[in-house]
PDB file of N, CA and C in Angstrom:
ATOM      1  N   UNK A   1     158.955  60.571 205.135  1.00  0.00           N
ATOM      2  CA  UNK A   1     158.160  61.764 205.035  1.00  0.00           C
ATOM      3  C   UNK A   1     157.104  61.807 206.145  1.00  0.00           C
ATOM      4  N   UNK A   2     156.453  60.691 206.393  1.00  0.00           N
ATOM      5  CA  UNK A   2     155.427  60.643 207.431  1.00  0.00           C
ATOM      6  C   UNK A   2     156.018  60.960 208.796  1.00  0.00           C
ATOM      7  N   UNK A   3     157.193  60.441 209.065  1.00  0.00           N
ATOM      8  CA  UNK A   3     157.843  60.699 210.357  1.00  0.00           C
ATOM      9  C   UNK A   3     158.104  62.184 210.539  1.00  0.00           C
ATOM     10  N   UNK A   4     158.521  62.850 209.480  1.00  0.00           N
ATOM     11  CA  UNK A   4     158.798  64.285 209.579  1.00  0.00           C
ATOM     12  C   UNK A   4     157.523  65.086 209.838  1.00  0.00           C
ATOM     13  N   UNK A   5     156.428  64.672 209.210  1.00  0.00           N
ATOM     14  CA  UNK A   5     155.150  65.342 209.445  1.00  0.00           C
ATOM     15  C   UNK A   5     154.699  65.116 210.887  1.00  0.00           C
ATOM     16  N   UNK A   6     154.913  63.906 211.397  1.00  0.00           N
ATOM     17  CA  UNK A   6     154.568  63.610 212.784  1.00  0.00           C
ATOM     18  C   UNK A   6     155.441  64.414 213.745  1.00  0.00           C
ATOM     19  N   UNK A   7     156.715  64.585 213.408  1.00  0.00           N
ATOM     20  CA  UNK A   7     157.616  65.390 214.236  1.00  0.00           C
ATOM     21  C   UNK A   7     157.141  66.840 214.293  1.00  0.00           C
ATOM     22  N   UNK A   8     156.684  67.363 213.160  1.00  0.00           N
ATOM     23  CA  UNK A   8     156.161  68.725 213.123  1.00  0.00           C
ATOM     24  C   UNK A   8     154.935  68.844 214.020  1.00  0.00           C
ATOM     25  N   UNK A   9     154.034  67.889 213.909  1.00  0.00           N
ATOM     26  CA  UNK A   9     152.829  67.917 214.734  1.00  0.00           C
ATOM     27  C   UNK A   9     153.187  67.884 216.222  1.00  0.00           C
ATOM     28  N   UNK A  10     154.115  67.019 216.583  1.00  0.00           N
ATOM     29  CA  UNK A  10     154.533  66.916 217.981  1.00  0.00           C
ATOM     30  C   UNK A  10     155.181  68.217 218.450  1.00  0.00           C
ATOM     31  N   UNK A  11     156.027  68.801 217.621  1.00  0.00           N
ATOM     32  CA  UNK A  11     156.678  70.058 217.989  1.00  0.00           C
ATOM     33  C   UNK A  11     155.648  71.161 218.225  1.00  0.00           C
ATOM     34  N   UNK A  12     154.637  71.225 217.377  1.00  0.00           N
ATOM     35  CA  UNK A  12     153.596  72.237 217.562  1.00  0.00           C
ATOM     36  C   UNK A  12     152.798  71.982 218.835  1.00  0.00           C
ATOM     37  N   UNK A  13     152.457  70.724 219.086  1.00  0.00           N
ATOM     38  CA  UNK A  13     151.706  70.395 220.306  1.00  0.00           C
ATOM     39  C   UNK A  13     152.505  70.751 221.560  1.00  0.00           C
ATOM     40  N   UNK A  14     153.794  70.411 221.555  1.00  0.00           N
ATOM     41  CA  UNK A  14     154.629  70.722 222.709  1.00  0.00           C
ATOM     42  C   UNK A  14     154.779  72.228 222.891  1.00  0.00           C
ATOM     43  N   UNK A  15     154.950  72.926 221.792  1.00  0.00           N
ATOM     44  CA  UNK A  15     155.103  74.388 221.860  1.00  0.00           C
ATOM     45  C   UNK A  15     153.861  75.019 222.471  1.00  0.00           C
ATOM     46  N   UNK A  16     152.700  74.579 222.029  1.00  0.00           N
ATOM     47  CA  UNK A  16     151.457  75.136 222.545  1.00  0.00           C
ATOM     48  C   UNK A  16     151.233  74.749 224.004  1.00  0.00           C
ATOM     49  N   UNK A  17     151.626  73.538 224.378  1.00  0.00           N
ATOM     50  CA  UNK A  17     151.450  73.074 225.756  1.00  0.00           C
ATOM     51  C   UNK A  17     152.388  73.817 226.701  1.00  0.00           C
ATOM     52  N   UNK A  18     153.608  74.073 226.262  1.00  0.00           N
ATOM     53  CA  UNK A  18     154.597  74.710 227.133  1.00  0.00           C
ATOM     54  C   UNK A  18     154.306  76.186 227.382  1.00  0.00           C
ATOM     55  N   UNK A  19     153.478  76.792 226.552  1.00  0.00           N
ATOM     56  CA  UNK A  19     153.175  78.208 226.757  1.00  0.00           C
ATOM     57  C   UNK A  19     152.120  78.410 227.831  1.00  0.00           C
ATOM     58  N   UNK A  20     151.482  77.313 228.274  1.00  0.00           N
ATOM     59  CA  UNK A  20     150.448  77.406 229.315  1.00  0.00           C
ATOM     60  C   UNK A  20     149.339  78.378 228.938  1.00  0.00           C
ATOM     61  N   UNK A  21     148.891  78.300 227.737  1.00  0.00           N
ATOM     62  CA  UNK A  21     147.819  79.174 227.275  1.00  0.00           C
ATOM     63  C   UNK A  21     148.045  79.547 225.828  1.00  0.00           C
ATOM     64  N   UNK A  22     147.248  80.462 225.335  1.00  0.00           N
ATOM     65  CA  UNK A  22     147.385  80.846 223.934  1.00  0.00           C
ATOM     66  C   UNK A  22     148.722  81.545 223.669  1.00  0.00           C
ATOM     67  N   UNK A  23     149.221  81.358 222.479  1.00  0.00           N
ATOM     68  CA  UNK A  23     150.464  82.029 222.097  1.00  0.00           C
ATOM     69  C   UNK A  23     150.142  83.446 221.638  1.00  0.00           C
ATOM     70  N   UNK A  24     151.133  84.316 221.682  1.00  0.00           N
ATOM     71  CA  UNK A  24     150.886  85.699 221.275  1.00  0.00           C
ATOM     72  C   UNK A  24     150.828  85.812 219.752  1.00  0.00           C
ATOM     73  N   UNK A  25     150.340  86.929 219.292  1.00  0.00           N
ATOM     74  CA  UNK A  25     150.118  87.140 217.863  1.00  0.00           C
ATOM     75  C   UNK A  25     151.413  87.034 217.061  1.00  0.00           C
ATOM     76  N   UNK A  26     152.493  87.603 217.564  1.00  0.00           N
ATOM     77  CA  UNK A  26     153.770  87.574 216.853  1.00  0.00           C
ATOM     78  C   UNK A  26     154.262  86.136 216.681  1.00  0.00           C
ATOM     79  N   UNK A  27     154.155  85.326 217.718  1.00  0.00           N
ATOM     80  CA  UNK A  27     154.572  83.926 217.628  1.00  0.00           C
ATOM     81  C   UNK A  27     153.708  83.167 216.643  1.00  0.00           C
ATOM     82  N   UNK A  28     152.396  83.399 216.698  1.00  0.00           N
ATOM     83  CA  UNK A  28     151.482  82.741 215.758  1.00  0.00           C
ATOM     84  C   UNK A  28     151.835  83.104 214.324  1.00  0.00           C
ATOM     85  N   UNK A  29     152.166  84.350 214.082  1.00  0.00           N
ATOM     86  CA  UNK A  29     152.534  84.780 212.729  1.00  0.00           C
ATOM     87  C   UNK A  29     153.840  84.148 212.269  1.00  0.00           C
ATOM     88  N   UNK A  30     154.808  84.009 213.178  1.00  0.00           N
ATOM     89  CA  UNK A  30     156.084  83.363 212.812  1.00  0.00           C
ATOM     90  C   UNK A  30     155.873  81.896 212.478  1.00  0.00           C
ATOM     91  N   UNK A  31     155.053  81.207 213.265  1.00  0.00           N
ATOM     92  CA  UNK A  31     154.771  79.798 212.996  1.00  0.00           C
ATOM     93  C   UNK A  31     154.048  79.654 211.659  1.00  0.00           C
ATOM     94  N   UNK A  32     153.047  80.506 211.425  1.00  0.00           N
ATOM     95  CA  UNK A  32     152.298  80.459 210.164  1.00  0.00           C
ATOM     96  C   UNK A  32     153.211  80.725 208.973  1.00  0.00           C
ATOM     97  N   UNK A  33     154.119  81.670 209.100  1.00  0.00           N
ATOM     98  CA  UNK A  33     155.054  81.972 208.010  1.00  0.00           C
ATOM     99  C   UNK A  33     155.973  80.783 207.728  1.00  0.00           C
ATOM    100  N   UNK A  34     156.422  80.118 208.770  1.00  0.00           N
ATOM    101  CA  UNK A  34     157.282  78.952 208.591  1.00  0.00           C
ATOM    102  C   UNK A  34     156.522  77.824 207.895  1.00  0.00           C
ATOM    103  N   UNK A  35     155.258  77.616 208.282  1.00  0.00           N
ATOM    104  CA  UNK A  35     154.449  76.585 207.634  1.00  0.00           C
ATOM    105  C   UNK A  35     154.172  76.932 206.171  1.00  0.00           C
ATOM    106  N   UNK A  36     153.891  78.209 205.900  1.00  0.00           N
ATOM    107  CA  UNK A  36     153.672  78.642 204.520  1.00  0.00           C
ATOM    108  C   UNK A  36     154.918  78.423 203.673  1.00  0.00           C
ATOM    109  N   UNK A  37     156.076  78.749 204.215  1.00  0.00           N
ATOM    110  CA  UNK A  37     157.330  78.562 203.484  1.00  0.00           C
ATOM    111  C   UNK A  37     157.575  77.086 203.198  1.00  0.00           C
ATOM    112  N   UNK A  38     157.292  76.236 204.179  1.00  0.00           N
ATOM    113  CA  UNK A  38     157.465  74.792 203.973  1.00  0.00           C
ATOM    114  C   UNK A  38     156.511  74.279 202.901  1.00  0.00           C
ATOM    115  N   UNK A  39     155.277  74.750 202.916  1.00  0.00           N
ATOM    116  CA  UNK A  39     154.296  74.332 201.913  1.00  0.00           C
ATOM    117  C   UNK A  39     154.738  74.749 200.508  1.00  0.00           C
ATOM    118  N   UNK A  40     155.250  75.954 200.377  1.00  0.00           N
ATOM    119  CA  UNK A  40     155.738  76.401 199.077  1.00  0.00           C
ATOM    120  C   UNK A  40     156.914  75.560 198.597  1.00  0.00           C
ATOM    121  N   UNK A  41     157.811  75.224 199.515  1.00  0.00           N
ATOM    122  CA  UNK A  41     158.963  74.396 199.143  1.00  0.00           C
ATOM    123  C   UNK A  41     158.512  73.030 198.660  1.00  0.00           C
ATOM    124  N   UNK A  42     157.504  72.465 199.291  1.00  0.00           N
ATOM    125  CA  UNK A  42     156.989  71.161 198.869  1.00  0.00           C
ATOM    126  C   UNK A  42     156.349  71.281 197.486  1.00  0.00           C
ATOM    127  N   UNK A  43     155.579  72.335 197.273  1.00  0.00           N
ATOM    128  CA  UNK A  43     154.933  72.524 195.969  1.00  0.00           C
ATOM    129  C   UNK A  43     155.957  72.650 194.850  1.00  0.00           C
ATOM    130  N   UNK A  44     157.088  73.266 195.136  1.00  0.00           N
ATOM    131  CA  UNK A  44     158.113  73.488 194.118  1.00  0.00           C
ATOM    132  C   UNK A  44     159.011  72.284 193.896  1.00  0.00           C
ATOM    133  N   UNK A  45     158.979  71.344 194.818  1.00  0.00           N
ATOM    134  CA  UNK A  45     159.871  70.176 194.727  1.00  0.00           C
ATOM    135  C   UNK A  45     159.394  69.219 193.633  1.00  0.00           C
TER     136      UNK A  45
END
């Protein structure tokens, strides 16, 4: 479980670094929705 959380953190860091600046609103909303969905799945497990 810890490895998967670390993988998520790394993926987010790389995504933000590769954009060379702030991400656009639509991308931020998609990422937030994916994180919310994952949190709900964990709560229901």
